[in-house]
PDB file of N, CA and C in Angstrom:
ATOM      1  N   MET A   1      -0.450 -19.126   1.257  1.00  0.00           N
ATOM      2  CA  MET A   1      -0.784 -18.367   2.980  1.00  0.00           C
ATOM      3  C   MET A   1      -2.271 -17.739   2.910  1.00  0.00           C
ATOM      4  N   ASP A   2      -2.780 -17.894   4.195  1.00  0.00           N
ATOM      5  CA  ASP A   2      -4.185 -17.349   4.434  1.00  0.00           C
ATOM      6  C   ASP A   2      -4.264 -16.341   5.887  1.00  0.00           C
ATOM      7  N   GLY A   3      -5.129 -15.838   6.007  1.00  0.00           N
ATOM      8  CA  GLY A   3      -5.032 -15.532   7.061  1.00  0.00           C
ATOM      9  C   GLY A   3      -4.435 -13.825   7.647  1.00  0.00           C
ATOM     10  N   LYS A   4      -3.901 -13.826   8.594  1.00  0.00           N
ATOM     11  CA  LYS A   4      -3.073 -12.691   8.805  1.00  0.00           C
ATOM     12  C   LYS A   4      -1.474 -13.000   7.883  1.00  0.00           C
ATOM     13  N   GLY A   5      -0.691 -11.912   7.572  1.00  0.00           N
ATOM     14  CA  GLY A   5       0.314 -11.964   7.188  1.00  0.00           C
ATOM     15  C   GLY A   5       0.235 -12.762   5.348  1.00  0.00           C
ATOM     16  N   ALA A   6      -1.162 -12.314   4.825  1.00  0.00           N
ATOM     17  CA  ALA A   6      -1.092 -13.251   3.641  1.00  0.00           C
ATOM     18  C   ALA A   6      -0.972 -11.873   2.445  1.00  0.00           C
ATOM     19  N   TRP A   7      -0.308 -12.187   1.410  1.00  0.00           N
ATOM     20  CA  TRP A   7       0.120 -11.341   0.650  1.00  0.00           C
ATOM     21  C   TRP A   7      -1.200 -10.376  -0.161  1.00  0.00           C
ATOM     22  N   ARG A   8      -2.248 -10.824   0.152  1.00  0.00           N
ATOM     23  CA  ARG A   8      -3.499 -10.330   0.036  1.00  0.00           C
ATOM     24  C   ARG A   8      -3.886  -8.835   0.864  1.00  0.00           C
ATOM     25  N   ASP A   9      -2.951  -8.602   1.935  1.00  0.00           N
ATOM     26  CA  ASP A   9      -3.268  -7.381   2.818  1.00  0.00           C
ATOM     27  C   ASP A   9      -2.881  -6.739   2.387  1.00  0.00           C
ATOM     28  N   ASN A  10      -1.283  -6.933   1.544  1.00  0.00           N
ATOM     29  CA  ASN A  10      -0.833  -5.394   1.407  1.00  0.00           C
ATOM     30  C   ASN A  10      -1.061  -5.369   0.016  1.00  0.00           C
ATOM     31  N   VAL A  11      -1.251  -5.890  -0.974  1.00  0.00           N
ATOM     32  CA  VAL A  11      -1.506  -5.724  -2.120  1.00  0.00           C
ATOM     33  C   VAL A  11      -1.880  -4.377  -3.102  1.00  0.00           C
ATOM     34  N   PHE A  12      -3.155  -4.173  -2.531  1.00  0.00           N
ATOM     35  CA  PHE A  12      -3.567  -2.642  -2.976  1.00  0.00           C
ATOM     36  C   PHE A  12      -2.694  -1.421  -2.437  1.00  0.00           C
ATOM     37  N   VAL A  13      -2.193  -1.677  -0.753  1.00  0.00           N
ATOM     38  CA  VAL A  13      -1.240  -0.652  -0.590  1.00  0.00           C
ATOM     39  C   VAL A  13       0.117  -0.648  -1.370  1.00  0.00           C
ATOM     40  N   GLU A  14       0.526  -1.730  -2.022  1.00  0.00           N
ATOM     41  CA  GLU A  14       2.121  -1.635  -2.604  1.00  0.00           C
ATOM     42  C   GLU A  14       1.435  -1.379  -4.106  1.00  0.00           C
ATOM     43  N   ARG A  15       0.333  -1.497  -4.881  1.00  0.00           N
ATOM     44  CA  ARG A  15       0.270  -0.949  -6.077  1.00  0.00           C
ATOM     45  C   ARG A  15       0.204   0.621  -5.944  1.00  0.00           C
ATOM     46  N   LEU A  16      -0.425   0.950  -4.607  1.00  0.00           N
ATOM     47  CA  LEU A  16      -0.328   2.451  -4.794  1.00  0.00           C
ATOM     48  C   LEU A  16       0.785   3.007  -4.340  1.00  0.00           C
ATOM     49  N   TRP A  17       1.592   2.182  -3.756  1.00  0.00           N
ATOM     50  CA  TRP A  17       2.799   2.998  -3.590  1.00  0.00           C
ATOM     51  C   TRP A  17       3.792   3.124  -4.920  1.00  0.00           C
ATOM     52  N   LYS A  18       3.492   1.879  -5.949  1.00  0.00           N
ATOM     53  CA  LYS A  18       4.415   1.759  -7.114  1.00  0.00           C
ATOM     54  C   LYS A  18       3.799   3.026  -7.652  1.00  0.00           C
ATOM     55  N   SER A  19       2.652   3.037  -7.916  1.00  0.00           N
ATOM     56  CA  SER A  19       2.244   4.264  -8.568  1.00  0.00           C
ATOM     57  C   SER A  19       3.093   5.894  -8.069  1.00  0.00           C
ATOM     58  N   VAL A  20       2.984   5.849  -6.871  1.00  0.00           N
ATOM     59  CA  VAL A  20       3.391   7.517  -6.014  1.00  0.00           C
ATOM     60  C   VAL A  20       4.940   7.473  -6.543  1.00  0.00           C
ATOM     61  N   LYS A  21       5.694   6.199  -6.551  1.00  0.00           N
ATOM     62  CA  LYS A  21       6.974   6.492  -6.837  1.00  0.00           C
ATOM     63  C   LYS A  21       7.118   6.568  -8.050  1.00  0.00           C
ATOM     64  N   TYR A  22       6.289   5.521  -9.190  1.00  0.00           N
ATOM     65  CA  TYR A  22       6.904   5.929 -10.876  1.00  0.00           C
ATOM     66  C   TYR A  22       6.201   7.580 -11.357  1.00  0.00           C
ATOM     67  N   GLU A  23       4.924   7.761 -10.529  1.00  0.00           N
ATOM     68  CA  GLU A  23       4.704   8.696 -11.168  1.00  0.00           C
ATOM     69  C   GLU A  23       4.861  10.296 -10.707  1.00  0.00           C
ATOM     70  N   GLU A  24       5.513  10.255  -9.216  1.00  0.00           N
ATOM     71  CA  GLU A  24       5.591  11.232  -8.827  1.00  0.00           C
ATOM     72  C   GLU A  24       7.201  11.158  -7.982  1.00  0.00           C
ATOM     73  N   VAL A  25       7.821  10.636  -7.717  1.00  0.00           N
ATOM     74  CA  VAL A  25       8.608  10.526  -6.625  1.00  0.00           C
ATOM     75  C   VAL A  25       9.824  10.340  -7.390  1.00  0.00           C
ATOM     76  N   TYR A  26       9.978   9.360  -8.566  1.00  0.00           N
ATOM     77  CA  TYR A  26      11.025   9.221  -9.157  1.00  0.00           C
ATOM     78  C   TYR A  26      11.422  10.430 -10.517  1.00  0.00           C
ATOM     79  N   LEU A  27      10.027  11.428 -10.436  1.00  0.00           N
ATOM     80  CA  LEU A  27      10.279  12.479 -11.761  1.00  0.00           C
ATOM     81  C   LEU A  27      10.505  13.714 -10.922  1.00  0.00           C
ATOM     82  N   ARG A  28      10.720  13.670  -9.676  1.00  0.00           N
ATOM     83  CA  ARG A  28      11.040  14.918  -9.103  1.00  0.00           C
ATOM     84  C   ARG A  28      12.290  14.793  -8.342  1.00  0.00           C
ATOM     85  N   ALA A  29      13.156  16.509  -8.143  1.00  0.00           N
ATOM     86  CA  ALA A  29      14.374  16.317  -6.970  1.00  0.00           C
ATOM     87  C   ALA A  29      14.166  17.365  -5.983  1.00  0.00           C
ATOM     88  N   TYR A  30      13.077  16.698  -5.286  1.00  0.00           N
ATOM     89  CA  TYR A  30      12.665  17.284  -3.930  1.00  0.00           C
ATOM     90  C   TYR A  30      14.003  18.339  -3.384  1.00  0.00           C
ATOM     91  N   GLU A  31      13.830  19.277  -3.022  1.00  0.00           N
ATOM     92  CA  GLU A  31      14.753  20.312  -2.066  1.00  0.00           C
ATOM     93  C   GLU A  31      15.260  19.957  -0.498  1.00  0.00           C
ATOM     94  N   THR A  32      13.854  19.444  -0.206  1.00  0.00           N
ATOM     95  CA  THR A  32      13.950  19.536   1.588  1.00  0.00           C
ATOM     96  C   THR A  32      12.456  18.399   1.679  1.00  0.00           C
ATOM     97  N   VAL A  33      12.521  17.830   2.854  1.00  0.00           N
ATOM     98  CA  VAL A  33      11.902  17.289   2.924  1.00  0.00           C
ATOM     99  C   VAL A  33      10.320  17.619   2.963  1.00  0.00           C
ATOM    100  N   SER A  34       9.908  18.873   3.379  1.00  0.00           N
ATOM    101  CA  SER A  34       8.647  19.554   3.540  1.00  0.00           C
ATOM    102  C   SER A  34       8.474  19.757   1.872  1.00  0.00           C
ATOM    103  N   HIS A  35       9.273  19.977   1.149  1.00  0.00           N
ATOM    104  CA  HIS A  35       8.863  20.192  -0.264  1.00  0.00           C
ATOM    105  C   HIS A  35       8.148  18.645  -1.028  1.00  0.00           C
ATOM    106  N   ALA A  36       9.232  17.478  -0.414  1.00  0.00           N
ATOM    107  CA  ALA A  36       8.581  16.402  -1.071  1.00  0.00           C
ATOM    108  C   ALA A  36       7.229  16.047   0.048  1.00  0.00           C
ATOM    109  N   ARG A  37       6.953  16.269   0.964  1.00  0.00           N
ATOM    110  CA  ARG A  37       5.557  15.850   1.298  1.00  0.00           C
ATOM    111  C   ARG A  37       4.441  16.881   0.836  1.00  0.00           C
ATOM    112  N   ALA A  38       4.840  18.366   0.607  1.00  0.00           N
ATOM    113  CA  ALA A  38       3.819  19.229   0.099  1.00  0.00           C
ATOM    114  C   ALA A  38       3.679  18.129  -1.315  1.00  0.00           C
ATOM    115  N   SER A  39       4.432  17.899  -1.996  1.00  0.00           N
ATOM    116  CA  SER A  39       4.176  17.286  -3.823  1.00  0.00           C
ATOM    117  C   SER A  39       3.539  16.228  -3.389  1.00  0.00           C
ATOM    118  N   ILE A  40       4.070  15.210  -2.769  1.00  0.00           N
ATOM    119  CA  ILE A  40       3.653  14.052  -2.641  1.00  0.00           C
ATOM    120  C   ILE A  40       1.961  14.147  -2.062  1.00  0.00           C
ATOM    121  N   GLY A  41       1.704  15.232  -1.020  1.00  0.00           N
ATOM    122  CA  GLY A  41       0.270  15.264  -0.835  1.00  0.00           C
ATOM    123  C   GLY A  41      -0.738  15.825  -2.436  1.00  0.00           C
ATOM    124  N   ARG A  42      -0.016  16.582  -2.714  1.00  0.00           N
ATOM    125  CA  ARG A  42      -0.510  17.252  -3.825  1.00  0.00           C
ATOM    126  C   ARG A  42      -0.684  15.924  -5.003  1.00  0.00           C
ATOM    127  N   TYR A  43      -0.180  15.318  -5.320  1.00  0.00           N
ATOM    128  CA  TYR A  43      -0.154  14.098  -6.173  1.00  0.00           C
ATOM    129  C   TYR A  43      -1.370  13.027  -5.692  1.00  0.00           C
ATOM    130  N   LEU A  44      -1.473  12.539  -4.203  1.00  0.00           N
ATOM    131  CA  LEU A  44      -2.228  12.289  -3.684  1.00  0.00           C
ATOM    132  C   LEU A  44      -3.783  12.812  -3.861  1.00  0.00           C
ATOM    133  N   ASP A  45      -3.797  14.100  -3.572  1.00  0.00           N
ATOM    134  CA  ASP A  45      -5.117  14.650  -4.286  1.00  0.00           C
ATOM    135  C   ASP A  45      -5.705  14.469  -5.568  1.00  0.00           C
ATOM    136  N   PHE A  46      -4.517  14.567  -6.439  1.00  0.00           N
ATOM    137  CA  PHE A  46      -4.802  14.406  -7.578  1.00  0.00           C
ATOM    138  C   PHE A  46      -4.985  12.754  -7.978  1.00  0.00           C
ATOM    139  N   TYR A  47      -4.593  12.011  -7.464  1.00  0.00           N
ATOM    140  CA  TYR A  47      -4.420  10.538  -7.523  1.00  0.00           C
ATOM    141  C   TYR A  47      -5.914   9.873  -7.077  1.00  0.00           C
ATOM    142  N   ASN A  48      -6.193  10.609  -5.784  1.00  0.00           N
ATOM    143  CA  ASN A  48      -7.847  10.286  -5.593  1.00  0.00           C
ATOM    144  C   ASN A  48      -9.099  11.068  -6.081  1.00  0.00           C
ATOM    145  N   GLY A  49      -8.507  12.557  -6.924  1.00  0.00           N
ATOM    146  CA  GLY A  49      -9.814  13.121  -7.307  1.00  0.00           C
ATOM    147  C   GLY A  49     -10.049  13.151  -8.503  1.00  0.00           C
ATOM    148  N   ARG A  50      -8.835  12.815  -9.347  1.00  0.00           N
ATOM    149  CA  ARG A  50      -8.713  13.572 -10.834  1.00  0.00           C
ATOM    150  C   ARG A  50      -8.462  12.474 -11.753  1.00  0.00           C
ATOM    151  N   ARG A  51      -7.597  11.576 -11.330  1.00  0.00           N
ATOM    152  CA  ARG A  51      -6.940  10.231 -12.045  1.00  0.00           C
ATOM    153  C   ARG A  51      -7.965   9.385 -12.085  1.00  0.00           C
ATOM    154  N   PRO A  52      -8.253   9.038 -13.270  1.00  0.00           N
ATOM    155  CA  PRO A  52      -9.338   7.938 -13.643  1.00  0.00           C
ATOM    156  C   PRO A  52      -8.270   6.481 -13.637  1.00  0.00           C
ATOM    157  N   HIS A  53      -9.158   6.007 -12.681  1.00  0.00           N
ATOM    158  CA  HIS A  53      -8.735   4.338 -12.392  1.00  0.00           C
ATOM    159  C   HIS A  53      -9.517   3.305 -13.290  1.00  0.00           C
ATOM    160  N   SER A  54      -9.005   2.631 -14.032  1.00  0.00           N
ATOM    161  CA  SER A  54      -9.289   1.368 -14.747  1.00  0.00           C
ATOM    162  C   SER A  54     -10.074   0.535 -14.290  1.00  0.00           C
ATOM    163  N   ARG A  55      -9.749   0.066 -13.279  1.00  0.00           N
ATOM    164  CA  ARG A  55     -10.363  -0.968 -12.201  1.00  0.00           C
ATOM    165  C   ARG A  55     -11.340  -0.584 -11.850  1.00  0.00           C
ATOM    166  N   LEU A  56     -11.547   0.886 -11.635  1.00  0.00           N
ATOM    167  CA  LEU A  56     -12.970   1.439 -11.001  1.00  0.00           C
ATOM    168  C   LEU A  56     -13.914   2.261 -12.465  1.00  0.00           C
ATOM    169  N   GLY A  57     -13.706   1.271 -13.204  1.00  0.00           N
ATOM    170  CA  GLY A  57     -14.491   1.509 -14.299  1.00  0.00           C
ATOM    171  C   GLY A  57     -14.437   3.313 -15.156  1.00  0.00           C
ATOM    172  N   GLY A  58     -13.109   3.459 -15.249  1.00  0.00           N
ATOM    173  CA  GLY A  58     -12.633   4.915 -15.435  1.00  0.00           C
ATOM    174  C   GLY A  58     -13.300   6.116 -14.723  1.00  0.00           C
ATOM    175  N   LYS A  59     -13.381   5.753 -13.020  1.00  0.00           N
ATOM    176  CA  LYS A  59     -14.075   6.665 -12.137  1.00  0.00           C
ATOM    177  C   LYS A  59     -12.882   7.059 -11.534  1.00  0.00           C
ATOM    178  N   THR A  60     -12.449   8.305 -10.904  1.00  0.00           N
ATOM    179  CA  THR A  60     -11.955   8.045  -9.722  1.00  0.00           C
ATOM    180  C   THR A  60     -11.987   7.197  -8.355  1.00  0.00           C
ATOM    181  N   PRO A  61     -11.327   7.492  -7.294  1.00  0.00           N
ATOM    182  CA  PRO A  61     -11.338   6.548  -6.077  1.00  0.00           C
ATOM    183  C   PRO A  61     -12.427   7.685  -5.570  1.00  0.00           C
ATOM    184  N   ASP A  62     -12.632   8.761  -5.552  1.00  0.00           N
ATOM    185  CA  ASP A  62     -13.465   9.570  -4.965  1.00  0.00           C
ATOM    186  C   ASP A  62     -14.988   9.492  -5.062  1.00  0.00           C
ATOM    187  N   GLN A  63     -14.924   9.531  -6.539  1.00  0.00           N
ATOM    188  CA  GLN A  63     -16.356   9.413  -7.285  1.00  0.00           C
ATOM    189  C   GLN A  63     -16.726   7.829  -6.692  1.00  0.00           C
ATOM    190  N   THR A  64     -15.638   7.043  -6.877  1.00  0.00           N
ATOM    191  CA  THR A  64     -16.353   5.757  -6.736  1.00  0.00           C
ATOM    192  C   THR A  64     -17.083   5.526  -5.142  1.00  0.00           C
ATOM    193  N   TYR A  65     -16.166   6.003  -4.227  1.00  0.00           N
ATOM    194  CA  TYR A  65     -16.306   5.522  -2.750  1.00  0.00           C
ATOM    195  C   TYR A  65     -16.981   6.793  -1.940  1.00  0.00           C
ATOM    196  N   PHE A  66     -16.982   8.147  -2.488  1.00  0.00           N
ATOM    197  CA  PHE A  66     -18.150   9.230  -1.856  1.00  0.00           C
ATOM    198  C   PHE A  66     -18.928  10.142  -2.649  1.00  0.00           C
ATOM    199  N   ASN A  67     -19.209   9.332  -4.009  1.00  0.00           N
ATOM    200  CA  ASN A  67     -20.286   9.335  -4.884  1.00  0.00           C
ATOM    201  C   ASN A  67     -19.765  10.844  -5.358  1.00  0.00           C
ATOM    202  N   GLN A  68     -18.392  11.250  -5.137  1.00  0.00           N
ATOM    203  CA  GLN A  68     -18.240  12.897  -5.335  1.00  0.00           C
ATOM    204  C   GLN A  68     -18.193  12.983  -6.975  1.00  0.00           C
ATOM    205  N   PRO A  69     -18.260  14.538  -7.148  1.00  0.00           N
ATOM    206  CA  PRO A  69     -18.203  14.593  -8.927  1.00  0.00           C
ATOM    207  C   PRO A  69     -16.875  14.705  -9.204  1.00  0.00           C
ATOM    208  N   LEU A  70     -16.053  14.398 -10.236  1.00  0.00           N
ATOM    209  CA  LEU A  70     -15.027  14.512 -10.803  1.00  0.00           C
ATOM    210  C   LEU A  70     -14.645  16.252 -10.985  1.00  0.00           C
ATOM    211  N   LEU A  71     -13.597  16.175 -10.233  1.00  0.00           N
ATOM    212  CA  LEU A  71     -13.043  17.889  -9.829  1.00  0.00           C
ATOM    213  C   LEU A  71     -12.368  18.238 -11.193  1.00  0.00           C
ATOM    214  N   ALA A  72     -12.195  19.573 -11.352  1.00  0.00           N
ATOM    215  CA  ALA A  72     -11.543  20.168 -12.684  1.00  0.00           C
ATOM    216  C   ALA A  72     -10.014  19.853 -12.514  1.00  0.00           C
ATOM    217  N   ALA A  73      -9.360  20.021 -13.882  1.00  0.00           N
ATOM    218  CA  ALA A  73      -8.275  20.090 -13.605  1.00  0.00           C
ATOM    219  C   ALA A  73      -7.785  21.199 -13.078  1.00  0.00           C
ATOM    220  N   ALA A  74      -6.484  21.272 -12.403  1.00  0.00           N
ATOM    221  CA  ALA A  74      -5.867  22.227 -11.766  1.00  0.00           C
ATOM    222  C   ALA A  74      -5.334  22.966 -12.884  1.00  0.00           C
TER     223      ALA A  74
END
């Protein structure tokens, strides 16, 4: 497959959602949808700002794409 609809179109998003599911969603028992949204939002802040990524040379996405310093652990 190439062009529109290629597997490459979704590979990065699929990898992100795998991380979200296994590192956040499957480990929590959310009481409400609003709790789930808040918790997943915190996880995405962690994922982008504090979690090093091997594919990015140990940097976070924020460091790589926005040249931001590493955030302190909460």
